[in-house]
């Protein structure tokens, strides 16, 4: 289940981005992805704790923002994306 506080859709540069839950993990060690062709952030949730789902959303959000801003070069830097996603989650995500 997608935790509270994560939007189901939002706008980025006139694109509607949808957040979808995919219960089954397609591969070990992967908890989400950003599909620019479909404007989707997909979160893989089966057996995954809420903290990991939240962090995964913000990680994929950073990929989305960088790519939509025309900075694919930065989006390929997984260390940068993961760090920015983590600090953004910490700064913005409200836990109930």
PDB file of N, CA and C in Angstrom:
ATOM      1  N   UNK A   1       0.839  -1.180   0.000  1.00  0.00           N
ATOM      2  CA  UNK A   1       0.000   0.000   0.000  1.00  0.00           C
ATOM      3  C   UNK A   1       0.888   1.249   0.000  1.00  0.00           C
ATOM      4  N   UNK A   2       0.508   2.240  -0.768  1.00  0.00           N
ATOM      5  CA  UNK A   2       1.249   3.493  -0.814  1.00  0.00           C
ATOM      6  C   UNK A   2       0.949   4.281   0.460  1.00  0.00           C
ATOM      7  N   UNK A   3       1.987   4.699   1.190  1.00  0.00           N
ATOM      8  CA  UNK A   3       1.781   5.423   2.450  1.00  0.00           C
ATOM      9  C   UNK A   3       1.092   6.776   2.258  1.00  0.00           C
ATOM     10  N   UNK A   4       0.428   7.233   3.311  1.00  0.00           N
ATOM     11  CA  UNK A   4      -0.152   8.576   3.318  1.00  0.00           C
ATOM     12  C   UNK A   4       0.947   9.595   3.083  1.00  0.00           C
ATOM     13  N   UNK A   5       0.584  10.685   2.447  1.00  0.00           N
ATOM     14  CA  UNK A   5       1.532  11.758   2.190  1.00  0.00           C
ATOM     15  C   UNK A   5       2.201  11.674   0.833  1.00  0.00           C
ATOM     16  N   UNK A   6       2.048  10.556   0.157  1.00  0.00           N
ATOM     17  CA  UNK A   6       2.579  10.430  -1.199  1.00  0.00           C
ATOM     18  C   UNK A   6       1.422  10.693  -2.165  1.00  0.00           C
ATOM     19  N   UNK A   7       1.577  11.679  -3.046  1.00  0.00           N
ATOM     20  CA  UNK A   7       0.476  12.009  -3.951  1.00  0.00           C
ATOM     21  C   UNK A   7       0.214  10.907  -4.957  1.00  0.00           C
ATOM     22  N   UNK A   8      -1.009  10.805  -5.412  1.00  0.00           N
ATOM     23  CA  UNK A   8      -1.359   9.832  -6.462  1.00  0.00           C
ATOM     24  C   UNK A   8      -1.073  10.400  -7.850  1.00  0.00           C
ATOM     25  N   UNK A   9      -1.041  11.748  -7.942  1.00  0.00           N
ATOM     26  CA  UNK A   9      -0.628  12.413  -9.171  1.00  0.00           C
ATOM     27  C   UNK A   9      -0.249  13.849  -8.855  1.00  0.00           C
ATOM     28  N   UNK A  10       0.573  14.425  -9.751  1.00  0.00           N
ATOM     29  CA  UNK A  10       1.023  15.805  -9.592  1.00  0.00           C
ATOM     30  C   UNK A  10       1.469  16.318 -10.959  1.00  0.00           C
ATOM     31  N   UNK A  11       1.715  17.603 -11.039  1.00  0.00           N
ATOM     32  CA  UNK A  11       2.111  18.239 -12.297  1.00  0.00           C
ATOM     33  C   UNK A  11       3.597  18.612 -12.260  1.00  0.00           C
ATOM     34  N   UNK A  12       4.290  18.360 -13.371  1.00  0.00           N
ATOM     35  CA  UNK A  12       5.669  18.800 -13.562  1.00  0.00           C
ATOM     36  C   UNK A  12       5.785  19.339 -14.981  1.00  0.00           C
ATOM     37  N   UNK A  13       6.015  20.637 -15.100  1.00  0.00           N
ATOM     38  CA  UNK A  13       6.173  21.270 -16.413  1.00  0.00           C
ATOM     39  C   UNK A  13       5.063  20.859 -17.383  1.00  0.00           C
ATOM     40  N   UNK A  14       3.854  20.965 -16.922  1.00  0.00           N
ATOM     41  CA  UNK A  14       2.662  20.694 -17.725  1.00  0.00           C
ATOM     42  C   UNK A  14       2.451  19.222 -18.055  1.00  0.00           C
ATOM     43  N   UNK A  15       3.144  18.336 -17.367  1.00  0.00           N
ATOM     44  CA  UNK A  15       2.943  16.895 -17.496  1.00  0.00           C
ATOM     45  C   UNK A  15       2.239  16.410 -16.240  1.00  0.00           C
ATOM     46  N   UNK A  16       1.207  15.598 -16.399  1.00  0.00           N
ATOM     47  CA  UNK A  16       0.583  14.952 -15.257  1.00  0.00           C
ATOM     48  C   UNK A  16       1.330  13.656 -14.996  1.00  0.00           C
ATOM     49  N   UNK A  17       1.928  13.572 -13.815  1.00  0.00           N
ATOM     50  CA  UNK A  17       2.678  12.381 -13.411  1.00  0.00           C
ATOM     51  C   UNK A  17       1.802  11.601 -12.447  1.00  0.00           C
ATOM     52  N   UNK A  18       1.614  10.328 -12.717  1.00  0.00           N
ATOM     53  CA  UNK A  18       0.819   9.462 -11.849  1.00  0.00           C
ATOM     54  C   UNK A  18       1.735   8.541 -11.052  1.00  0.00           C
ATOM     55  N   UNK A  19       1.320   8.283  -9.824  1.00  0.00           N
ATOM     56  CA  UNK A  19       2.060   7.377  -8.950  1.00  0.00           C
ATOM     57  C   UNK A  19       1.237   6.103  -8.849  1.00  0.00           C
ATOM     58  N   UNK A  20       1.848   4.979  -9.217  1.00  0.00           N
ATOM     59  CA  UNK A  20       1.137   3.707  -9.227  1.00  0.00           C
ATOM     60  C   UNK A  20       1.807   2.713  -8.305  1.00  0.00           C
ATOM     61  N   UNK A  21       0.985   1.922  -7.655  1.00  0.00           N
ATOM     62  CA  UNK A  21       1.481   0.837  -6.823  1.00  0.00           C
ATOM     63  C   UNK A  21       1.546  -0.434  -7.650  1.00  0.00           C
ATOM     64  N   UNK A  22       2.687  -1.074  -7.628  1.00  0.00           N
ATOM     65  CA  UNK A  22       2.869  -2.369  -8.264  1.00  0.00           C
ATOM     66  C   UNK A  22       3.220  -3.326  -7.120  1.00  0.00           C
ATOM     67  N   UNK A  23       2.290  -4.179  -6.710  1.00  0.00           N
ATOM     68  CA  UNK A  23       2.537  -5.007  -5.534  1.00  0.00           C
ATOM     69  C   UNK A  23       3.705  -5.983  -5.668  1.00  0.00           C
ATOM     70  N   UNK A  24       3.964  -6.501  -6.842  1.00  0.00           N
ATOM     71  CA  UNK A  24       5.014  -7.509  -7.005  1.00  0.00           C
ATOM     72  C   UNK A  24       6.343  -6.861  -7.359  1.00  0.00           C
ATOM     73  N   UNK A  25       7.411  -7.299  -6.715  1.00  0.00           N
ATOM     74  CA  UNK A  25       8.740  -6.799  -7.020  1.00  0.00           C
ATOM     75  C   UNK A  25       9.259  -7.466  -8.295  1.00  0.00           C
ATOM     76  N   UNK A  26       9.543  -6.680  -9.340  1.00  0.00           N
ATOM     77  CA  UNK A  26      10.015  -7.285 -10.574  1.00  0.00           C
ATOM     78  C   UNK A  26      11.449  -7.796 -10.470  1.00  0.00           C
ATOM     79  N   UNK A  27      12.253  -7.226  -9.580  1.00  0.00           N
ATOM     80  CA  UNK A  27      13.605  -7.740  -9.398  1.00  0.00           C
ATOM     81  C   UNK A  27      14.086  -7.391  -7.990  1.00  0.00           C
ATOM     82  N   UNK A  28      14.933  -8.217  -7.453  1.00  0.00           N
ATOM     83  CA  UNK A  28      15.436  -8.036  -6.095  1.00  0.00           C
ATOM     84  C   UNK A  28      16.237  -6.741  -6.007  1.00  0.00           C
ATOM     85  N   UNK A  29      16.034  -6.013  -4.913  1.00  0.00           N
ATOM     86  CA  UNK A  29      16.793  -4.801  -4.687  1.00  0.00           C
ATOM     87  C   UNK A  29      16.273  -3.577  -5.404  1.00  0.00           C
ATOM     88  N   UNK A  30      15.140  -3.696  -6.031  1.00  0.00           N
ATOM     89  CA  UNK A  30      14.549  -2.565  -6.753  1.00  0.00           C
ATOM     90  C   UNK A  30      13.168  -2.314  -6.167  1.00  0.00           C
ATOM     91  N   UNK A  31      12.920  -1.065  -5.782  1.00  0.00           N
ATOM     92  CA  UNK A  31      11.671  -0.747  -5.081  1.00  0.00           C
ATOM     93  C   UNK A  31      10.780   0.231  -5.834  1.00  0.00           C
ATOM     94  N   UNK A  32      11.240   0.713  -6.969  1.00  0.00           N
ATOM     95  CA  UNK A  32      10.432   1.634  -7.749  1.00  0.00           C
ATOM     96  C   UNK A  32      11.144   1.989  -9.031  1.00  0.00           C
ATOM     97  N   UNK A  33      10.430   2.694  -9.909  1.00  0.00           N
ATOM     98  CA  UNK A  33      11.066   3.233 -11.099  1.00  0.00           C
ATOM     99  C   UNK A  33      10.260   4.408 -11.634  1.00  0.00           C
ATOM    100  N   UNK A  34      10.919   5.161 -12.492  1.00  0.00           N
ATOM    101  CA  UNK A  34      10.324   6.310 -13.176  1.00  0.00           C
ATOM    102  C   UNK A  34      10.253   5.958 -14.648  1.00  0.00           C
ATOM    103  N   UNK A  35       9.045   6.024 -15.218  1.00  0.00           N
ATOM    104  CA  UNK A  35       8.836   5.742 -16.634  1.00  0.00           C
ATOM    105  C   UNK A  35       8.448   7.051 -17.310  1.00  0.00           C
ATOM    106  N   UNK A  36       9.417   7.678 -17.960  1.00  0.00           N
ATOM    107  CA  UNK A  36       9.182   8.974 -18.600  1.00  0.00           C
ATOM    108  C   UNK A  36       8.201   8.881 -19.755  1.00  0.00           C
ATOM    109  N   UNK A  37       8.174   7.741 -20.450  1.00  0.00           N
ATOM    110  CA  UNK A  37       7.259   7.577 -21.577  1.00  0.00           C
ATOM    111  C   UNK A  37       5.800   7.545 -21.133  1.00  0.00           C
ATOM    112  N   UNK A  38       5.559   7.030 -19.935  1.00  0.00           N
ATOM    113  CA  UNK A  38       4.189   6.928 -19.416  1.00  0.00           C
ATOM    114  C   UNK A  38       3.866   7.975 -18.356  1.00  0.00           C
ATOM    115  N   UNK A  39       4.849   8.809 -18.013  1.00  0.00           N
ATOM    116  CA  UNK A  39       4.677   9.781 -16.930  1.00  0.00           C
ATOM    117  C   UNK A  39       4.213   9.089 -15.657  1.00  0.00           C
ATOM    118  N   UNK A  40       4.913   8.025 -15.288  1.00  0.00           N
ATOM    119  CA  UNK A  40       4.545   7.247 -14.110  1.00  0.00           C
ATOM    120  C   UNK A  40       5.734   7.011 -13.195  1.00  0.00           C
ATOM    121  N   UNK A  41       5.474   7.168 -11.918  1.00  0.00           N
ATOM    122  CA  UNK A  41       6.366   6.645 -10.896  1.00  0.00           C
ATOM    123  C   UNK A  41       5.685   5.394 -10.388  1.00  0.00           C
ATOM    124  N   UNK A  42       6.386   4.266 -10.488  1.00  0.00           N
ATOM    125  CA  UNK A  42       5.834   2.993 -10.024  1.00  0.00           C
ATOM    126  C   UNK A  42       6.563   2.583  -8.756  1.00  0.00           C
ATOM    127  N   UNK A  43       5.784   2.235  -7.733  1.00  0.00           N
ATOM    128  CA  UNK A  43       6.341   1.810  -6.459  1.00  0.00           C
ATOM    129  C   UNK A  43       6.004   0.350  -6.234  1.00  0.00           C
ATOM    130  N   UNK A  44       7.026  -0.458  -5.996  1.00  0.00           N
ATOM    131  CA  UNK A  44       6.862  -1.880  -5.754  1.00  0.00           C
ATOM    132  C   UNK A  44       6.750  -2.069  -4.250  1.00  0.00           C
ATOM    133  N   UNK A  45       5.627  -2.584  -3.769  1.00  0.00           N
ATOM    134  CA  UNK A  45       5.297  -2.498  -2.352  1.00  0.00           C
ATOM    135  C   UNK A  45       5.208  -3.826  -1.600  1.00  0.00           C
ATOM    136  N   UNK A  46       5.136  -4.934  -2.275  1.00  0.00           N
ATOM    137  CA  UNK A  46       4.919  -6.211  -1.595  1.00  0.00           C
ATOM    138  C   UNK A  46       6.086  -6.539  -0.664  1.00  0.00           C
ATOM    139  N   UNK A  47       5.795  -6.649   0.624  1.00  0.00           N
ATOM    140  CA  UNK A  47       6.811  -7.004   1.601  1.00  0.00           C
ATOM    141  C   UNK A  47       7.823  -5.913   1.892  1.00  0.00           C
ATOM    142  N   UNK A  48       7.532  -4.688   1.480  1.00  0.00           N
ATOM    143  CA  UNK A  48       8.461  -3.571   1.646  1.00  0.00           C
ATOM    144  C   UNK A  48       7.950  -2.659   2.758  1.00  0.00           C
ATOM    145  N   UNK A  49       8.845  -2.290   3.685  1.00  0.00           N
ATOM    146  CA  UNK A  49       8.418  -1.432   4.797  1.00  0.00           C
ATOM    147  C   UNK A  49       8.125  -0.012   4.289  1.00  0.00           C
ATOM    148  N   UNK A  50       7.298   0.693   5.039  1.00  0.00           N
ATOM    149  CA  UNK A  50       6.832   2.020   4.643  1.00  0.00           C
ATOM    150  C   UNK A  50       7.982   2.996   4.419  1.00  0.00           C
ATOM    151  N   UNK A  51       9.005   2.968   5.259  1.00  0.00           N
ATOM    152  CA  UNK A  51      10.134   3.887   5.108  1.00  0.00           C
ATOM    153  C   UNK A  51      10.817   3.713   3.754  1.00  0.00           C
ATOM    154  N   UNK A  52      10.945   2.478   3.306  1.00  0.00           N
ATOM    155  CA  UNK A  52      11.591   2.211   2.019  1.00  0.00           C
ATOM    156  C   UNK A  52      10.708   2.697   0.873  1.00  0.00           C
ATOM    157  N   UNK A  53       9.408   2.521   0.998  1.00  0.00           N
ATOM    158  CA  UNK A  53       8.480   2.997  -0.040  1.00  0.00           C
ATOM    159  C   UNK A  53       8.555   4.515  -0.148  1.00  0.00           C
ATOM    160  N   UNK A  54       8.563   5.198   0.991  1.00  0.00           N
ATOM    161  CA  UNK A  54       8.646   6.665   0.998  1.00  0.00           C
ATOM    162  C   UNK A  54       9.949   7.121   0.353  1.00  0.00           C
ATOM    163  N   UNK A  55      11.061   6.525   0.772  1.00  0.00           N
ATOM    164  CA  UNK A  55      12.349   6.909   0.197  1.00  0.00           C
ATOM    165  C   UNK A  55      12.372   6.634  -1.309  1.00  0.00           C
ATOM    166  N   UNK A  56      11.810   5.508  -1.722  1.00  0.00           N
ATOM    167  CA  UNK A  56      11.772   5.158  -3.147  1.00  0.00           C
ATOM    168  C   UNK A  56      10.973   6.177  -3.946  1.00  0.00           C
ATOM    169  N   UNK A  57       9.847   6.635  -3.391  1.00  0.00           N
ATOM    170  CA  UNK A  57       9.059   7.650  -4.094  1.00  0.00           C
ATOM    171  C   UNK A  57       9.889   8.904  -4.335  1.00  0.00           C
ATOM    172  N   UNK A  58      10.538   9.411  -3.297  1.00  0.00           N
ATOM    173  CA  UNK A  58      11.313  10.647  -3.455  1.00  0.00           C
ATOM    174  C   UNK A  58      12.524  10.443  -4.362  1.00  0.00           C
ATOM    175  N   UNK A  59      13.125   9.279  -4.342  1.00  0.00           N
ATOM    176  CA  UNK A  59      14.210   8.951  -5.262  1.00  0.00           C
ATOM    177  C   UNK A  59      13.706   9.051  -6.710  1.00  0.00           C
ATOM    178  N   UNK A  60      12.573   8.410  -6.981  1.00  0.00           N
ATOM    179  CA  UNK A  60      12.021   8.434  -8.344  1.00  0.00           C
ATOM    180  C   UNK A  60      11.521   9.830  -8.711  1.00  0.00           C
ATOM    181  N   UNK A  61      11.033  10.578  -7.737  1.00  0.00           N
ATOM    182  CA  UNK A  61      10.623  11.963  -7.985  1.00  0.00           C
ATOM    183  C   UNK A  61      11.808  12.793  -8.468  1.00  0.00           C
ATOM    184  N   UNK A  62      12.976  12.602  -7.871  1.00  0.00           N
ATOM    185  CA  UNK A  62      14.167  13.331  -8.317  1.00  0.00           C
ATOM    186  C   UNK A  62      14.509  12.962  -9.754  1.00  0.00           C
ATOM    187  N   UNK A  63      14.434  11.672 -10.108  1.00  0.00           N
ATOM    188  CA  UNK A  63      14.645  11.282 -11.514  1.00  0.00           C
ATOM    189  C   UNK A  63      13.671  12.038 -12.414  1.00  0.00           C
ATOM    190  N   UNK A  64      12.422  12.058 -12.034  1.00  0.00           N
ATOM    191  CA  UNK A  64      11.376  12.735 -12.809  1.00  0.00           C
ATOM    192  C   UNK A  64      11.694  14.218 -12.982  1.00  0.00           C
ATOM    193  N   UNK A  65      11.994  14.895 -11.890  1.00  0.00           N
ATOM    194  CA  UNK A  65      12.251  16.341 -11.941  1.00  0.00           C
ATOM    195  C   UNK A  65      13.475  16.658 -12.796  1.00  0.00           C
ATOM    196  N   UNK A  66      14.544  15.911 -12.614  1.00  0.00           N
ATOM    197  CA  UNK A  66      15.756  16.164 -13.393  1.00  0.00           C
ATOM    198  C   UNK A  66      15.530  15.913 -14.880  1.00  0.00           C
ATOM    199  N   UNK A  67      14.853  14.820 -15.210  1.00  0.00           N
ATOM    200  CA  UNK A  67      14.616  14.519 -16.624  1.00  0.00           C
ATOM    201  C   UNK A  67      13.676  15.530 -17.264  1.00  0.00           C
ATOM    202  N   UNK A  68      12.631  15.912 -16.568  1.00  0.00           N
ATOM    203  CA  UNK A  68      11.710  16.903 -17.132  1.00  0.00           C
ATOM    204  C   UNK A  68      12.365  18.274 -17.260  1.00  0.00           C
ATOM    205  N   UNK A  69      13.382  18.537 -16.430  1.00  0.00           N
ATOM    206  CA  UNK A  69      14.134  19.791 -16.511  1.00  0.00           C
ATOM    207  C   UNK A  69      15.246  19.726 -17.565  1.00  0.00           C
ATOM    208  N   UNK A  70      15.330  18.602 -18.276  1.00  0.00           N
ATOM    209  CA  UNK A  70      16.324  18.460 -19.328  1.00  0.00           C
ATOM    210  C   UNK A  70      17.710  18.106 -18.825  1.00  0.00           C
ATOM    211  N   UNK A  71      17.790  17.569 -17.609  1.00  0.00           N
ATOM    212  CA  UNK A  71      19.087  17.220 -17.023  1.00  0.00           C
ATOM    213  C   UNK A  71      19.237  15.713 -16.858  1.00  0.00           C
ATOM    214  N   UNK A  72      19.095  14.995 -17.971  1.00  0.00           N
ATOM    215  CA  UNK A  72      19.274  13.555 -17.957  1.00  0.00           C
ATOM    216  C   UNK A  72      20.673  13.179 -17.473  1.00  0.00           C
ATOM    217  N   UNK A  73      21.649  14.057 -17.726  1.00  0.00           N
ATOM    218  CA  UNK A  73      23.016  13.800 -17.279  1.00  0.00           C
ATOM    219  C   UNK A  73      23.084  13.672 -15.757  1.00  0.00           C
ATOM    220  N   UNK A  74      22.334  14.491 -15.043  1.00  0.00           N
ATOM    221  CA  UNK A  74      22.307  14.402 -13.583  1.00  0.00           C
ATOM    222  C   UNK A  74      21.441  13.243 -13.111  1.00  0.00           C
ATOM    223  N   UNK A  75      20.403  12.936 -13.873  1.00  0.00           N
ATOM    224  CA  UNK A  75      19.492  11.854 -13.492  1.00  0.00           C
ATOM    225  C   UNK A  75      20.173  10.489 -13.525  1.00  0.00           C
ATOM    226  N   UNK A  76      21.240  10.353 -14.273  1.00  0.00           N
ATOM    227  CA  UNK A  76      21.942   9.072 -14.332  1.00  0.00           C
ATOM    228  C   UNK A  76      22.909   8.876 -13.159  1.00  0.00           C
ATOM    229  N   UNK A  77      23.120   9.920 -12.364  1.00  0.00           N
ATOM    230  CA  UNK A  77      23.999   9.840 -11.192  1.00  0.00           C
ATOM    231  C   UNK A  77      23.177   9.311 -10.012  1.00  0.00           C
ATOM    232  N   UNK A  78      23.180   7.990  -9.829  1.00  0.00           N
ATOM    233  CA  UNK A  78      22.331   7.359  -8.805  1.00  0.00           C
ATOM    234  C   UNK A  78      22.680   7.795  -7.385  1.00  0.00           C
ATOM    235  N   UNK A  79      23.938   8.083  -7.120  1.00  0.00           N
ATOM    236  CA  UNK A  79      24.313   8.551  -5.784  1.00  0.00           C
ATOM    237  C   UNK A  79      23.691   9.914  -5.520  1.00  0.00           C
ATOM    238  N   UNK A  80      23.783  10.824  -6.478  1.00  0.00           N
ATOM    239  CA  UNK A  80      23.172  12.150  -6.347  1.00  0.00           C
ATOM    240  C   UNK A  80      21.664  12.025  -6.191  1.00  0.00           C
ATOM    241  N   UNK A  81      21.030  11.243  -7.057  1.00  0.00           N
ATOM    242  CA  UNK A  81      19.573  11.084  -7.018  1.00  0.00           C
ATOM    243  C   UNK A  81      19.126  10.494  -5.676  1.00  0.00           C
ATOM    244  N   UNK A  82      19.846   9.493  -5.189  1.00  0.00           N
ATOM    245  CA  UNK A  82      19.463   8.864  -3.928  1.00  0.00           C
ATOM    246  C   UNK A  82      19.644   9.813  -2.750  1.00  0.00           C
ATOM    247  N   UNK A  83      20.726  10.580  -2.753  1.00  0.00           N
ATOM    248  CA  UNK A  83      20.960  11.545  -1.678  1.00  0.00           C
ATOM    249  C   UNK A  83      19.897  12.638  -1.692  1.00  0.00           C
ATOM    250  N   UNK A  84      19.630  13.220  -2.866  1.00  0.00           N
ATOM    251  CA  UNK A  84      18.607  14.264  -2.962  1.00  0.00           C
ATOM    252  C   UNK A  84      17.224  13.728  -2.595  1.00  0.00           C
ATOM    253  N   UNK A  85      16.911  12.529  -3.057  1.00  0.00           N
ATOM    254  CA  UNK A  85      15.628  11.920  -2.706  1.00  0.00           C
ATOM    255  C   UNK A  85      15.504  11.712  -1.208  1.00  0.00           C
ATOM    256  N   UNK A  86      16.584  11.261  -0.574  1.00  0.00           N
ATOM    257  CA  UNK A  86      16.559  11.026   0.868  1.00  0.00           C
ATOM    258  C   UNK A  86      16.381  12.294   1.673  1.00  0.00           C
ATOM    259  N   UNK A  87      17.106  13.349   1.302  1.00  0.00           N
ATOM    260  CA  UNK A  87      16.960  14.595   2.071  1.00  0.00           C
ATOM    261  C   UNK A  87      15.606  15.248   1.804  1.00  0.00           C
ATOM    262  N   UNK A  88      15.098  15.118   0.586  1.00  0.00           N
ATOM    263  CA  UNK A  88      13.771  15.657   0.287  1.00  0.00           C
ATOM    264  C   UNK A  88      12.698  14.919   1.081  1.00  0.00           C
ATOM    265  N   UNK A  89      12.819  13.615   1.170  1.00  0.00           N
ATOM    266  CA  UNK A  89      11.861  12.829   1.972  1.00  0.00           C
ATOM    267  C   UNK A  89      11.913  13.259   3.429  1.00  0.00           C
ATOM    268  N   UNK A  90      13.089  13.455   3.946  1.00  0.00           N
ATOM    269  CA  UNK A  90      13.248  13.856   5.341  1.00  0.00           C
ATOM    270  C   UNK A  90      12.678  15.247   5.579  1.00  0.00           C
ATOM    271  N   UNK A  91      12.869  16.140   4.635  1.00  0.00           N
ATOM    272  CA  UNK A  91      12.404  17.518   4.789  1.00  0.00           C
ATOM    273  C   UNK A  91      10.893  17.655   4.609  1.00  0.00           C
ATOM    274  N   UNK A  92      10.307  16.885   3.688  1.00  0.00           N
ATOM    275  CA  UNK A  92       8.917  17.122   3.303  1.00  0.00           C
ATOM    276  C   UNK A  92       7.911  16.092   3.751  1.00  0.00           C
ATOM    277  N   UNK A  93       8.332  14.852   3.928  1.00  0.00           N
ATOM    278  CA  UNK A  93       7.343  13.816   4.208  1.00  0.00           C
ATOM    279  C   UNK A  93       6.886  13.857   5.659  1.00  0.00           C
ATOM    280  N   UNK A  94       5.614  13.989   5.844  1.00  0.00           N
ATOM    281  CA  UNK A  94       5.041  14.047   7.177  1.00  0.00           C
ATOM    282  C   UNK A  94       4.548  12.657   7.578  1.00  0.00           C
ATOM    283  N   UNK A  95       5.048  12.183   8.676  1.00  0.00           N
ATOM    284  CA  UNK A  95       4.608  10.888   9.196  1.00  0.00           C
ATOM    285  C   UNK A  95       3.450  11.126  10.160  1.00  0.00           C
ATOM    286  N   UNK A  96       2.440  10.316  10.048  1.00  0.00           N
ATOM    287  CA  UNK A  96       1.263  10.447  10.924  1.00  0.00           C
ATOM    288  C   UNK A  96       1.523   9.779  12.247  1.00  0.00           C
TER     289      UNK A  96
END
